[in-house]
């Protein structure tokens, strides 16, 4: 075949750029540029370091997995010491290579793999306000899963409704302050969102792969297996994410016309078999399939204010008192969840439209069922979040991408029923929806900018203190997760009572440093320090150190904001 003349090839090129594949590639390129600019702008203005204790806890677990290849923690809770000693009383309080019995393993494992691949160096000669492993590994990893969720959301929206809902849904997703806040948090919520959204997407696709008599095709079974696997991984990311497995099980039971509930039972069985190895590991280590995680519901009760249970070496757990405390906390949590947390699922008006859409029957019956099963997952999370507090309530945000699609679809239903004569009016309403949804992001990007997470977290201060100790010397602090992550030292969470400190130091492992921050020093004077939970520590905080106290040398930091005590003068040589 003869080659086309030069003029014809130029005309073909112009056509492709004008209306063909070139135009499509240009649109995709510009859209990706918009997403990239939004991501970089948000990171540059909002990220000043990790702010959440759970994020630092997961980061130090990831580093330990990368370096020691074991799920051990440097953030040691007195309650964890007590719980492990119950399993093995003869072994005493295990400090070295302390197994973690609080966290789910997947997010730390992902961080550990990323640290390994990137060759991350954790020791820095000159500490900076932003810790490099956070800036170059943890945050980019969160952004990666955020972008992957956006890609899945586009295909999900197109299959669930139409291209219009898919494109606008993904755009609003990337204009959501909630999405980017989770992405830079270091909590693994971006990974969890990707897993949950993809699990719902695969279950929806499976429901569409049926024969005429209602039997699932082979492809449907593969999709169901993929959805179950993603639910298992979601559980390994956060234990509370297990609530989405029953929700999807109900969807499968309702969607398959032939033996639907049989396949639903198989789905749940596969999920249970998938999580069994980790439950067995926890049972072998400490005697409880979920480790200490279930006991953390006692934090924030009348008996253990704030993180009081974590800090208690010998908690008194009388059944009647525990039941009464949990009942009081649960009732208050149910109310708080409905009044506050539920409505912070996402940004703008779309969550309200999703709630309204629950009372509208979509033509697509599969979408109709999926919407109620998503609501079921949110409903199952309600009592769990009421017991475990705000950190668990944040799991609502993993539902936001799918909630966004349903809310947007209902918006277009209402818009079509208005039958506006002028296209301009319809466009104005769509723009108004986009603007109101993007306002939280816009306000976040506008001045004043986000400042560093101090008080109490400032890596240079933490590194300055921890580097006075050798790697084998243990430090005690009221923010042990931060000294474990930034200082790379075995860190004991400040016990609730001074006597517990003496017991650990005298009989189990010597403590070489005591680091108080504003977490303790900013507590109310009378109800917190004089007569409250910190009353045994108050003389030391005031500077009246007991004569038998092993750490009698120290100095204040940042105009008395913080206080460091140690056994001898260690700073003159620095």
Protein backbone atom coordinates (compact mmCIF):
# COMPACT_ATOMS: atom_id res chain seq x y z
CA UNK A 1 0.00 0.00 0.00
CA UNK A 2 1.35 3.40 -1.01
CA UNK A 3 2.13 5.86 1.75
CA UNK A 4 -0.26 8.77 2.20
CA UNK A 5 0.87 12.12 0.85
CA UNK A 6 2.37 14.52 3.33
CA UNK A 7 -0.63 16.87 3.12
CA UNK A 8 -3.03 14.02 3.98
CA UNK A 9 -1.01 13.02 7.01
CA UNK A 10 -1.01 16.62 8.25
CA UNK A 11 -4.79 16.74 7.78
CA UNK A 12 -5.20 13.46 9.74
CA UNK A 13 -3.06 14.87 12.55
CA UNK A 14 -5.11 18.06 12.69
CA UNK A 15 -8.32 16.01 12.71
CA UNK A 16 -7.11 13.82 15.59
CA UNK A 17 -6.12 16.87 17.62
CA UNK A 18 -9.40 18.61 16.77
CA UNK A 19 -12.01 15.88 17.24
CA UNK A 20 -10.27 12.50 17.37
CA UNK A 21 -8.08 10.60 19.80
CA UNK A 22 -5.74 13.57 20.19
CA UNK A 23 -8.54 15.65 21.72
CA UNK A 24 -9.38 12.84 24.15
CA UNK A 25 -5.74 12.53 25.21
CA UNK A 26 -5.52 16.28 25.66
CA UNK A 27 -8.62 16.30 27.89
CA UNK A 28 -7.26 13.43 29.98
CA UNK A 29 -3.89 15.16 30.26
CA UNK A 30 -5.45 18.44 31.40
CA UNK A 31 -7.62 16.59 33.92
CA UNK A 32 -4.62 14.76 35.36
CA UNK A 33 -2.79 18.09 35.56
CA UNK A 34 -5.71 19.55 37.53
CA UNK A 35 -5.64 16.61 39.96
CA UNK A 36 -1.85 16.81 40.33
CA UNK A 37 -1.92 20.56 41.01
CA UNK A 38 -4.69 20.11 43.60
CA UNK A 39 -2.74 17.33 45.30
CA UNK A 40 0.54 19.27 45.41
CA UNK A 41 -1.12 22.51 46.50
CA UNK A 42 -2.97 20.79 49.33
CA UNK A 43 0.16 18.96 50.50
CA UNK A 44 2.30 22.09 50.35
CA UNK A 45 -0.17 24.18 52.36
CA UNK A 46 -1.56 21.60 54.81
CA UNK A 47 1.12 19.04 55.61
CA UNK A 48 3.51 20.02 58.39
CA UNK A 49 4.01 16.57 59.87
CA UNK A 50 1.90 13.76 61.29
CA UNK A 51 -0.70 14.88 63.83
CA UNK A 52 -2.38 11.64 64.90
CA UNK A 53 -0.95 9.23 67.51
CA UNK A 54 -2.26 6.26 65.49
CA UNK A 55 -0.34 7.47 62.43
CA UNK A 56 2.97 7.64 64.32
CA UNK A 57 2.24 4.28 65.93
CA UNK A 58 1.69 2.68 62.50
CA UNK A 59 4.83 4.37 61.12
CA UNK A 60 7.10 2.97 63.83
CA UNK A 61 5.54 -0.47 63.35
CA UNK A 62 6.30 -0.20 59.63
CA UNK A 63 9.91 0.71 60.35
CA UNK A 64 10.24 -2.27 62.71
CA UNK A 65 8.83 -4.57 60.03
CA UNK A 66 11.33 -3.18 57.52
CA UNK A 67 14.33 -3.53 59.84
CA UNK A 68 13.48 -6.47 62.16
CA UNK A 69 10.93 -8.32 59.96
CA UNK A 70 8.67 -8.78 62.98
CA UNK A 71 5.44 -7.14 64.14
CA UNK A 72 6.97 -5.60 67.26
CA UNK A 73 6.43 -2.17 68.73
CA UNK A 74 8.56 0.44 70.44
CA UNK A 75 5.43 2.18 71.74
CA UNK A 76 4.75 0.18 74.91
CA UNK A 77 1.49 0.68 76.77
CA UNK A 78 1.37 -0.31 80.45
CA UNK A 79 -1.97 -2.03 79.75
CA UNK A 80 -0.26 -4.12 77.06
CA UNK A 81 2.38 -5.19 79.57
CA UNK A 82 -0.38 -6.25 81.97
CA UNK A 83 -2.30 -8.11 79.28
CA UNK A 84 0.69 -10.07 78.01
CA UNK A 85 1.78 -10.95 81.54
CA UNK A 86 -1.62 -12.58 82.10
CA UNK A 87 -0.85 -14.96 79.23
CA UNK A 88 2.62 -15.77 80.58
CA UNK A 89 2.90 -14.81 84.29
CA UNK A 90 6.33 -16.41 84.62
CA UNK A 91 7.73 -14.25 81.83
CA UNK A 92 7.10 -10.98 83.66
CA UNK A 93 6.63 -7.71 81.81
CA UNK A 94 8.11 -8.17 78.34
CA UNK A 95 9.88 -5.00 77.17
CA UNK A 96 12.31 -6.24 74.52
CA UNK A 97 10.78 -7.07 71.14
CA UNK A 98 7.38 -6.27 72.57
CA UNK A 99 4.68 -7.75 70.28
CA UNK A 100 2.02 -5.31 69.13
CA UNK A 101 -1.45 -6.49 70.17
CA UNK A 102 -3.39 -3.32 69.35
CA UNK A 103 -3.06 -2.55 65.64
CA UNK A 104 -4.18 -4.32 62.49
CA UNK A 105 -1.13 -5.28 60.40
CA UNK A 106 -1.73 -4.28 56.77
CA UNK A 107 -1.03 -0.54 56.81
CA UNK A 108 2.19 -0.96 58.83
CA UNK A 109 3.19 -3.77 56.43
CA UNK A 110 2.58 -1.52 53.41
CA UNK A 111 4.63 1.24 55.05
CA UNK A 112 7.40 -1.24 55.87
CA UNK A 113 7.54 -2.44 52.26
CA UNK A 114 7.62 1.16 51.01
CA UNK A 115 10.42 2.05 53.45
CA UNK A 116 12.36 -0.98 52.24
CA UNK A 117 11.89 -0.28 48.53
CA UNK A 118 12.70 3.42 48.92
CA UNK A 119 15.78 2.68 51.03
CA UNK A 120 14.52 5.15 53.61
CA UNK A 121 17.10 6.60 56.00
CA UNK A 122 15.54 7.35 59.39
CA UNK A 123 18.60 8.90 61.04
CA UNK A 124 19.19 12.53 60.08
CA UNK A 125 22.19 14.65 60.98
CA UNK A 126 20.19 17.87 61.20
CA UNK A 127 16.58 17.35 62.35
CA UNK A 128 14.00 19.30 60.38
CA UNK A 129 10.43 20.31 61.21
CA UNK A 130 9.09 17.74 58.72
CA UNK A 131 10.48 14.22 59.08
CA UNK A 132 11.74 13.06 55.62
CA UNK A 133 10.18 9.54 55.75
CA UNK A 134 6.78 11.21 56.20
CA UNK A 135 7.35 13.66 53.37
CA UNK A 136 8.78 11.21 50.85
CA UNK A 137 7.13 7.89 51.70
CA UNK A 138 4.04 8.10 53.94
CA UNK A 139 2.30 11.04 52.26
CA UNK A 140 3.06 9.91 48.65
CA UNK A 141 1.76 6.46 49.54
CA UNK A 142 -1.49 8.00 50.79
CA UNK A 143 -1.77 10.03 47.57
CA UNK A 144 -1.20 6.90 45.47
CA UNK A 145 -4.17 5.11 47.02
CA UNK A 146 -6.26 8.27 46.75
CA UNK A 147 -5.59 8.43 43.00
CA UNK A 148 -6.31 4.71 42.62
CA UNK A 149 -9.66 5.18 44.38
CA UNK A 150 -10.51 7.99 41.96
CA UNK A 151 -9.81 5.67 39.01
CA UNK A 152 -12.02 2.91 40.44
CA UNK A 153 -14.70 5.47 41.24
CA UNK A 154 -14.87 6.58 37.59
CA UNK A 155 -15.51 3.04 36.33
CA UNK A 156 -17.91 2.41 39.21
CA UNK A 157 -19.95 5.54 38.47
CA UNK A 158 -20.08 4.78 34.76
CA UNK A 159 -21.34 1.23 35.34
CA UNK A 160 -23.67 2.18 38.17
CA UNK A 161 -25.26 5.21 36.45
CA UNK A 162 -23.72 6.97 33.42
CA UNK A 163 -20.67 8.85 32.22
CA UNK A 164 -22.03 12.20 33.41
CA UNK A 165 -22.29 10.99 37.02
CA UNK A 166 -18.90 9.26 36.76
CA UNK A 167 -16.98 12.31 35.52
CA UNK A 168 -18.59 14.79 37.88
CA UNK A 169 -18.39 12.31 40.77
CA UNK A 170 -14.64 11.84 40.36
CA UNK A 171 -14.18 15.60 40.02
CA UNK A 172 -16.03 16.25 43.28
CA UNK A 173 -14.03 13.45 44.89
CA UNK A 174 -10.79 15.22 44.00
CA UNK A 175 -12.25 18.55 45.18
CA UNK A 176 -13.05 17.11 48.62
CA UNK A 177 -11.14 18.36 51.64
CA UNK A 178 -12.08 15.11 53.42
CA UNK A 179 -10.29 13.04 50.77
CA UNK A 180 -7.03 14.98 50.85
CA UNK A 181 -7.07 15.31 54.64
CA UNK A 182 -7.21 11.52 54.90
CA UNK A 183 -4.53 11.24 52.23
CA UNK A 184 -1.93 13.21 54.23
CA UNK A 185 -2.97 11.90 57.66
CA UNK A 186 -0.78 8.78 57.64
CA UNK A 187 -3.66 6.78 59.13
CA UNK A 188 -4.06 4.39 56.21
CA UNK A 189 -7.60 5.65 55.49
CA UNK A 190 -6.75 6.20 51.82
CA UNK A 191 -5.74 2.53 51.54
CA UNK A 192 -8.90 1.46 53.39
CA UNK A 193 -11.07 3.64 51.13
CA UNK A 194 -9.55 2.04 48.05
CA UNK A 195 -10.20 -1.46 49.42
CA UNK A 196 -13.81 -0.79 50.47
CA UNK A 197 -14.81 1.07 47.28
CA UNK A 198 -13.25 -1.63 45.08
CA UNK A 199 -14.95 -4.38 47.13
CA UNK A 200 -18.35 -2.75 46.52
CA UNK A 201 -17.51 -2.30 42.83
CA UNK A 202 -16.56 -5.96 42.34
CA UNK A 203 -19.69 -7.13 44.19
CA UNK A 204 -21.80 -4.92 41.91
CA UNK A 205 -20.10 -6.32 38.81
CA UNK A 206 -20.63 -9.87 40.08
CA UNK A 207 -24.36 -9.24 40.48
CA UNK A 208 -24.52 -8.39 36.78
CA UNK A 209 -22.88 -11.67 35.72
CA UNK A 210 -25.87 -14.03 35.94
CA UNK A 211 -27.40 -16.46 33.50
CA UNK A 212 -31.04 -16.13 32.46
CA UNK A 213 -32.14 -18.51 35.22
CA UNK A 214 -30.26 -16.50 37.87
CA UNK A 215 -27.13 -18.65 38.24
CA UNK A 216 -23.78 -16.84 38.65
CA UNK A 217 -21.38 -17.24 35.76
CA UNK A 218 -17.77 -18.24 36.32
CA UNK A 219 -16.71 -14.62 36.01
CA UNK A 220 -19.17 -13.68 38.78
CA UNK A 221 -17.55 -16.15 41.15
CA UNK A 222 -14.12 -14.67 40.44
CA UNK A 223 -15.48 -11.18 41.12
CA UNK A 224 -17.06 -12.34 44.37
CA UNK A 225 -13.76 -13.93 45.40
CA UNK A 226 -12.02 -10.62 44.67
CA UNK A 227 -14.58 -8.70 46.71
CA UNK A 228 -14.15 -11.11 49.64
CA UNK A 229 -10.35 -10.78 49.41
CA UNK A 230 -10.64 -7.00 49.54
CA UNK A 231 -12.91 -7.22 52.59
CA UNK A 232 -10.27 -9.39 54.26
CA UNK A 233 -7.59 -6.81 53.46
CA UNK A 234 -9.88 -4.06 54.79
CA UNK A 235 -10.13 -5.95 58.09
CA UNK A 236 -6.34 -6.27 58.15
CA UNK A 237 -6.19 -2.49 57.73
CA UNK A 238 -8.73 -1.62 60.45
CA UNK A 239 -10.63 -4.13 62.56
CA UNK A 240 -13.80 -2.00 62.49
CA UNK A 241 -13.90 -2.31 58.68
CA UNK A 242 -15.29 -5.82 59.25
CA UNK A 243 -18.76 -4.18 59.30
CA UNK A 244 -18.69 -3.91 55.50
CA UNK A 245 -18.47 -7.69 55.03
CA UNK A 246 -22.02 -8.34 56.39
CA UNK A 247 -23.31 -5.42 54.31
CA UNK A 248 -21.89 -6.95 51.12
CA UNK A 249 -23.12 -10.37 52.17
CA UNK A 250 -26.68 -8.99 52.30
CA UNK A 251 -26.20 -7.39 48.88
CA UNK A 252 -25.07 -10.72 47.40
CA UNK A 253 -27.98 -12.56 49.00
CA UNK A 254 -30.48 -10.10 47.52
CA UNK A 255 -28.86 -9.78 44.08
CA UNK A 256 -28.53 -13.39 42.93
CA UNK A 257 -31.88 -14.84 41.95
CA UNK A 258 -30.78 -18.47 42.37
CA UNK A 259 -29.24 -19.58 45.67
CA UNK A 260 -28.33 -15.99 46.50
CA UNK A 261 -28.15 -16.56 50.23
CA UNK A 262 -26.03 -19.67 49.71
CA UNK A 263 -23.46 -17.57 47.87
CA UNK A 264 -23.79 -14.92 50.56
CA UNK A 265 -22.95 -17.53 53.21
CA UNK A 266 -19.96 -18.70 51.15
CA UNK A 267 -18.80 -15.07 50.87
CA UNK A 268 -18.97 -14.64 54.64
CA UNK A 269 -17.22 -17.99 55.20
CA UNK A 270 -14.35 -16.99 52.89
CA UNK A 271 -14.06 -13.70 54.80
CA UNK A 272 -13.92 -15.51 58.15
CA UNK A 273 -11.34 -18.00 56.87
CA UNK A 274 -9.25 -15.13 55.53
CA UNK A 275 -9.07 -13.30 58.84
CA UNK A 276 -8.58 -16.46 60.90
CA UNK A 277 -4.72 -16.55 60.68
CA UNK A 278 -4.38 -13.11 62.27
CA UNK A 279 -6.97 -13.93 64.93
CA UNK A 280 -5.01 -17.10 65.69
CA UNK A 281 -1.77 -15.12 65.93
CA UNK A 282 -3.29 -12.73 68.47
CA UNK A 283 -4.78 -15.62 70.45
CA UNK A 284 -1.38 -17.32 70.61
CA UNK A 285 0.40 -14.12 71.66
CA UNK A 286 -2.01 -12.80 74.27
CA UNK A 287 -5.02 -15.12 74.49
CA UNK A 288 -7.51 -12.83 72.71
CA UNK A 289 -8.26 -12.99 68.94
CA UNK A 290 -8.38 -9.18 68.71
CA UNK A 291 -5.57 -8.61 71.17
CA UNK A 292 -5.97 -5.56 73.37
CA UNK A 293 -8.02 -3.69 70.74
CA UNK A 294 -11.40 -4.55 72.24
CA UNK A 295 -10.33 -3.33 75.68
CA UNK A 296 -9.55 0.14 74.28
CA UNK A 297 -13.28 0.88 74.45
CA UNK A 298 -12.58 1.52 78.16
CA UNK A 299 -10.61 4.65 77.25
CA UNK A 300 -12.72 7.75 77.73
CA UNK A 301 -15.01 6.19 80.34
CA UNK A 302 -15.62 7.47 83.85
CA UNK A 303 -13.01 5.06 85.25
CA UNK A 304 -10.35 5.67 82.56
CA UNK A 305 -10.54 9.22 81.25
CA UNK A 306 -8.85 10.04 77.91
CA UNK A 307 -6.30 7.22 77.32
CA UNK A 308 -6.36 6.21 80.99
CA UNK A 309 -6.78 2.49 80.30
CA UNK A 310 -3.68 2.40 78.06
CA UNK A 311 -1.68 3.96 80.91
CA UNK A 312 -2.86 1.62 83.67
CA UNK A 313 -0.47 -1.17 84.62
CA UNK A 314 -2.92 -3.09 86.82
CA UNK A 315 -6.44 -2.10 85.80
CA UNK A 316 -9.29 -3.12 88.07
CA UNK A 317 -11.96 -4.61 85.81
CA UNK A 318 -14.97 -5.39 87.95
CA UNK A 319 -17.75 -6.60 85.68
CA UNK A 320 -20.51 -4.39 87.06
CA UNK A 321 -18.39 -1.23 86.95
CA UNK A 322 -17.05 -1.99 83.46
CA UNK A 323 -20.56 -2.70 82.18
CA UNK A 324 -21.88 0.53 83.66
CA UNK A 325 -19.00 2.58 82.27
CA UNK A 326 -19.36 1.11 78.77
CA UNK A 327 -23.11 1.54 78.82
CA UNK A 328 -22.77 5.23 79.72
CA UNK A 329 -20.09 5.77 77.08
CA UNK A 330 -22.08 3.86 74.43
CA UNK A 331 -25.26 5.86 74.93
CA UNK A 332 -23.36 9.13 74.76
CA UNK A 333 -21.45 7.88 71.72
CA UNK A 334 -24.61 6.93 69.87
CA UNK A 335 -25.92 10.44 70.34
CA UNK A 336 -22.62 12.08 69.32
CA UNK A 337 -22.33 9.88 66.24
CA UNK A 338 -25.77 10.88 64.97
CA UNK A 339 -25.52 14.57 65.85
CA UNK A 340 -21.95 15.17 64.70
CA UNK A 341 -19.91 12.36 63.16
CA UNK A 342 -22.50 11.11 60.67
CA UNK A 343 -22.81 14.50 59.01
CA UNK A 344 -19.04 14.83 58.64
CA UNK A 345 -18.89 11.84 56.28
CA UNK A 346 -18.03 14.13 53.36
CA UNK A 347 -18.20 17.68 52.08
CA UNK A 348 -21.04 19.82 50.76
CA UNK A 349 -24.67 18.90 50.17
CA UNK A 350 -24.19 15.45 48.69
CA UNK A 351 -24.51 13.48 51.91
CA UNK A 352 -27.92 15.06 52.45
CA UNK A 353 -28.85 14.11 48.87
CA UNK A 354 -27.70 10.55 49.57
CA UNK A 355 -30.02 10.36 52.59
CA UNK A 356 -32.88 11.71 50.45
CA UNK A 357 -32.02 9.16 47.73
CA UNK A 358 -32.74 6.35 50.19
CA UNK A 359 -36.43 7.15 49.66
CA UNK A 360 -36.23 7.11 45.86
CA UNK A 361 -36.39 3.96 43.76
CA UNK A 362 -33.79 3.94 41.00
CA UNK A 363 -34.61 2.16 37.74
CA UNK A 364 -31.41 0.15 38.18
CA UNK A 365 -32.49 -2.41 40.81
CA UNK A 366 -28.88 -3.43 41.53
CA UNK A 367 -28.06 0.19 42.37
CA UNK A 368 -31.20 0.33 44.50
CA UNK A 369 -30.02 -2.66 46.57
CA UNK A 370 -26.42 -1.46 46.77
CA UNK A 371 -27.54 1.87 48.22
CA UNK A 372 -29.35 0.17 51.10
CA UNK A 373 -26.44 -2.18 51.75
CA UNK A 374 -24.10 0.81 51.94
CA UNK A 375 -26.51 2.37 54.45
CA UNK A 376 -26.43 -0.95 56.35
CA UNK A 377 -22.63 -0.77 56.56
CA UNK A 378 -22.88 2.77 57.96
CA UNK A 379 -25.53 1.58 60.41
CA UNK A 380 -23.35 -1.31 61.61
CA UNK A 381 -20.46 1.10 62.12
CA UNK A 382 -22.64 3.29 64.36
CA UNK A 383 -22.59 1.16 67.57
CA UNK A 384 -18.90 0.29 67.07
CA UNK A 385 -17.89 3.94 66.67
CA UNK A 386 -20.04 4.88 69.67
CA UNK A 387 -17.85 2.62 71.83
CA UNK A 388 -14.43 3.35 70.35
CA UNK A 389 -14.74 7.06 69.70
CA UNK A 390 -13.67 9.56 67.10
CA UNK A 391 -10.86 7.51 65.54
CA UNK A 392 -13.34 4.78 64.58
CA UNK A 393 -15.95 7.34 63.52
CA UNK A 394 -13.48 8.55 60.87
CA UNK A 395 -14.02 5.26 59.07
CA UNK A 396 -17.26 6.83 57.80
CA UNK A 397 -15.14 8.76 55.32
CA UNK A 398 -14.26 5.53 53.49
CA UNK A 399 -17.93 5.42 52.39
CA UNK A 400 -17.77 8.95 51.01
CA UNK A 401 -16.85 8.09 47.38
CA UNK A 402 -19.83 5.74 46.92
CA UNK A 403 -22.13 8.06 48.90
CA UNK A 404 -21.03 10.82 46.53
CA UNK A 405 -22.11 8.81 43.47
CA UNK A 406 -25.60 8.13 44.82
CA UNK A 407 -26.09 11.70 45.98
CA UNK A 408 -24.98 13.00 42.60
CA UNK A 409 -27.26 10.58 40.72
CA UNK A 410 -30.24 11.76 42.78
CA UNK A 411 -29.27 15.38 42.07
CA UNK A 412 -29.43 14.70 38.33
CA UNK A 413 -32.81 12.98 38.76
CA UNK A 414 -34.14 16.13 40.42
CA UNK A 415 -32.49 18.31 37.79
CA UNK A 416 -34.04 16.34 34.92
CA UNK A 417 -37.47 16.55 36.52
CA UNK A 418 -37.26 20.33 36.68
CA UNK A 419 -37.29 20.31 32.86
CA UNK A 420 -35.47 23.61 32.63
CA UNK A 421 -35.88 25.20 29.24
CA UNK A 422 -32.58 27.04 29.22
CA UNK A 423 -29.41 24.97 29.30
CA UNK A 424 -27.74 27.86 31.13
CA UNK A 425 -29.97 27.39 34.21
CA UNK A 426 -29.11 23.70 34.39
CA UNK A 427 -25.41 24.48 34.10
CA UNK A 428 -25.71 27.11 36.84
CA UNK A 429 -27.21 24.56 39.26
CA UNK A 430 -24.42 22.08 38.51
CA UNK A 431 -21.80 24.78 39.09
CA UNK A 432 -23.51 25.73 42.38
CA UNK A 433 -23.32 22.09 43.52
CA UNK A 434 -19.63 21.88 42.60
CA UNK A 435 -18.82 25.15 44.36
CA UNK A 436 -20.63 24.26 47.59
CA UNK A 437 -18.95 20.84 47.62
CA UNK A 438 -15.51 22.35 47.04
CA UNK A 439 -15.84 25.17 49.59
CA UNK A 440 -14.24 23.17 52.47
CA UNK A 441 -11.20 22.54 50.24
CA UNK A 442 -11.06 26.21 49.22
CA UNK A 443 -11.23 27.38 52.84
CA UNK A 444 -8.45 24.93 53.76
CA UNK A 445 -6.18 26.30 51.02
CA UNK A 446 -6.82 29.95 51.88
CA UNK A 447 -4.80 31.72 54.59
CA UNK A 448 -4.11 31.22 57.41
CA UNK A 449 -2.04 28.18 56.47
CA UNK A 450 -1.87 25.06 58.58
CA UNK A 451 0.88 25.28 61.18
CA UNK A 452 3.13 22.57 62.62
CA UNK A 453 1.48 20.09 64.98
CA UNK A 454 3.10 21.75 67.98
CA UNK A 455 2.11 21.47 70.72
CA UNK A 456 3.05 18.73 71.36
CA UNK A 457 4.76 17.29 68.24
CA UNK A 458 7.96 18.88 66.93
CA UNK A 459 10.53 16.39 65.58
CA UNK A 460 13.65 18.48 66.41
CA UNK A 461 12.67 18.67 70.10
CA UNK A 462 11.86 14.95 70.25
CA UNK A 463 15.09 13.97 68.51
CA UNK A 464 17.14 16.28 70.73
CA UNK A 465 15.78 14.53 73.82
CA UNK A 466 15.89 10.94 72.59
CA UNK A 467 19.41 11.21 71.20
CA UNK A 468 20.66 11.81 74.74
CA UNK A 469 19.82 8.15 75.34
CA UNK A 470 21.57 5.21 73.72
CA UNK A 471 19.48 2.91 71.48
CA UNK A 472 19.17 0.29 74.24
CA UNK A 473 17.98 2.77 76.90
CA UNK A 474 14.24 3.17 77.46
CA UNK A 475 12.40 6.47 77.71
CA UNK A 476 9.03 7.15 79.34
CA UNK A 477 6.78 9.83 77.89
CA UNK A 478 3.18 10.98 77.71
CA UNK A 479 3.49 10.74 73.92
CA UNK A 480 5.38 7.48 73.59
CA UNK A 481 4.15 7.01 70.00
CA UNK A 482 6.09 10.15 69.01
CA UNK A 483 9.33 9.27 70.81
CA UNK A 484 9.12 5.77 69.32
CA UNK A 485 8.69 7.13 65.76
CA UNK A 486 10.88 10.23 65.71
CA UNK A 487 13.40 9.10 68.32
CA UNK A 488 13.61 5.38 67.44
CA UNK A 489 13.76 4.47 71.12
CA UNK A 490 11.84 1.94 73.18
CA UNK A 491 9.19 4.19 74.68
CA UNK A 492 6.94 3.50 77.65
CA UNK A 493 3.67 5.39 77.77
CA UNK A 494 3.55 7.40 81.00
CA UNK A 495 1.84 5.17 83.61
CA UNK A 496 -1.23 6.63 85.26
CA UNK A 497 0.38 6.35 88.72
CA UNK A 498 3.88 7.01 89.99
CA UNK A 499 3.93 3.65 91.81
CA UNK A 500 3.60 1.84 88.46
CA UNK A 501 6.62 3.78 87.19
CA UNK A 502 8.62 2.61 90.21
CA UNK A 503 7.52 -1.00 89.72
CA UNK A 504 8.57 -1.09 86.08
CA UNK A 505 11.85 0.72 86.71
CA UNK A 506 12.84 -1.27 89.82
CA UNK A 507 11.77 -4.80 88.86
CA UNK A 508 11.51 -5.10 85.08
CA UNK A 509 13.55 -2.62 83.04
CA UNK A 510 15.36 0.55 83.98
CA UNK A 511 14.02 3.83 82.61
CA UNK A 512 16.68 6.39 81.66
CA UNK A 513 14.57 9.35 80.59
CA UNK A 514 11.21 10.93 81.46
CA UNK A 515 9.71 13.33 78.91
CA UNK A 516 6.67 15.45 79.82
CA UNK A 517 4.91 17.51 77.15
CA UNK A 518 1.88 19.78 76.97
CA UNK A 519 -0.29 16.65 76.85
CA UNK A 520 0.22 16.50 80.62
CA UNK A 521 1.36 20.00 81.51
CA UNK A 522 -1.65 21.71 79.91
CA UNK A 523 -4.22 19.69 81.86
CA UNK A 524 -6.59 21.54 84.22
CA UNK A 525 -4.80 22.50 87.41
CA UNK A 526 -7.26 21.27 90.04
CA UNK A 527 -9.34 18.58 88.29
CA UNK A 528 -6.38 17.22 86.32
CA UNK A 529 -3.15 17.75 88.25
CA UNK A 530 -3.96 18.36 91.91
CA UNK A 531 -6.89 16.01 92.53
CA UNK A 532 -7.27 14.28 89.16
CA UNK A 533 -5.54 11.41 87.33
CA UNK A 534 -2.10 13.12 87.32
CA UNK A 535 -2.01 13.90 91.05
CA UNK A 536 0.83 11.46 91.80
CA UNK A 537 2.93 13.09 89.06
CA UNK A 538 2.18 16.67 90.09
CA UNK A 539 5.11 17.16 92.51
CA UNK A 540 7.55 16.14 89.77
CA UNK A 541 5.87 18.42 87.24
CA UNK A 542 6.17 21.25 89.78
CA UNK A 543 9.88 20.55 90.29
CA UNK A 544 9.62 18.88 93.72
CA UNK A 545 11.41 15.64 92.78
CA UNK A 546 11.31 12.93 95.50
CA UNK A 547 14.68 12.02 96.98
CA UNK A 548 14.33 8.39 95.89
CA UNK A 549 13.31 9.24 92.35
CA UNK A 550 15.89 7.78 89.90
CA UNK A 551 15.72 10.66 87.40
CA UNK A 552 16.80 13.85 89.16
CA UNK A 553 18.63 15.76 86.41
CA UNK A 554 16.78 17.67 83.69
CA UNK A 555 15.90 20.84 81.88
CA UNK A 556 12.80 22.58 80.46
CA UNK A 557 12.13 22.92 76.73
CA UNK A 558 10.54 25.82 74.86
CA UNK A 559 9.74 28.15 77.75
CA UNK A 560 8.58 25.43 80.16
CA UNK A 561 6.23 23.81 77.62
CA UNK A 562 8.06 20.52 78.08
CA UNK A 563 10.28 18.92 80.68
CA UNK A 564 12.97 16.25 80.31
CA UNK A 565 14.42 14.36 83.26
CA UNK A 566 17.22 11.79 83.22
CA UNK A 567 19.60 9.99 85.58
CA UNK A 568 22.66 12.18 85.01
CA UNK A 569 23.86 15.19 83.10
CA UNK A 570 23.90 13.99 79.50
CA UNK A 571 23.76 17.29 77.62
CA UNK A 572 27.14 18.85 78.48
CA UNK A 573 28.88 16.64 75.91
CA UNK A 574 26.51 17.76 73.12
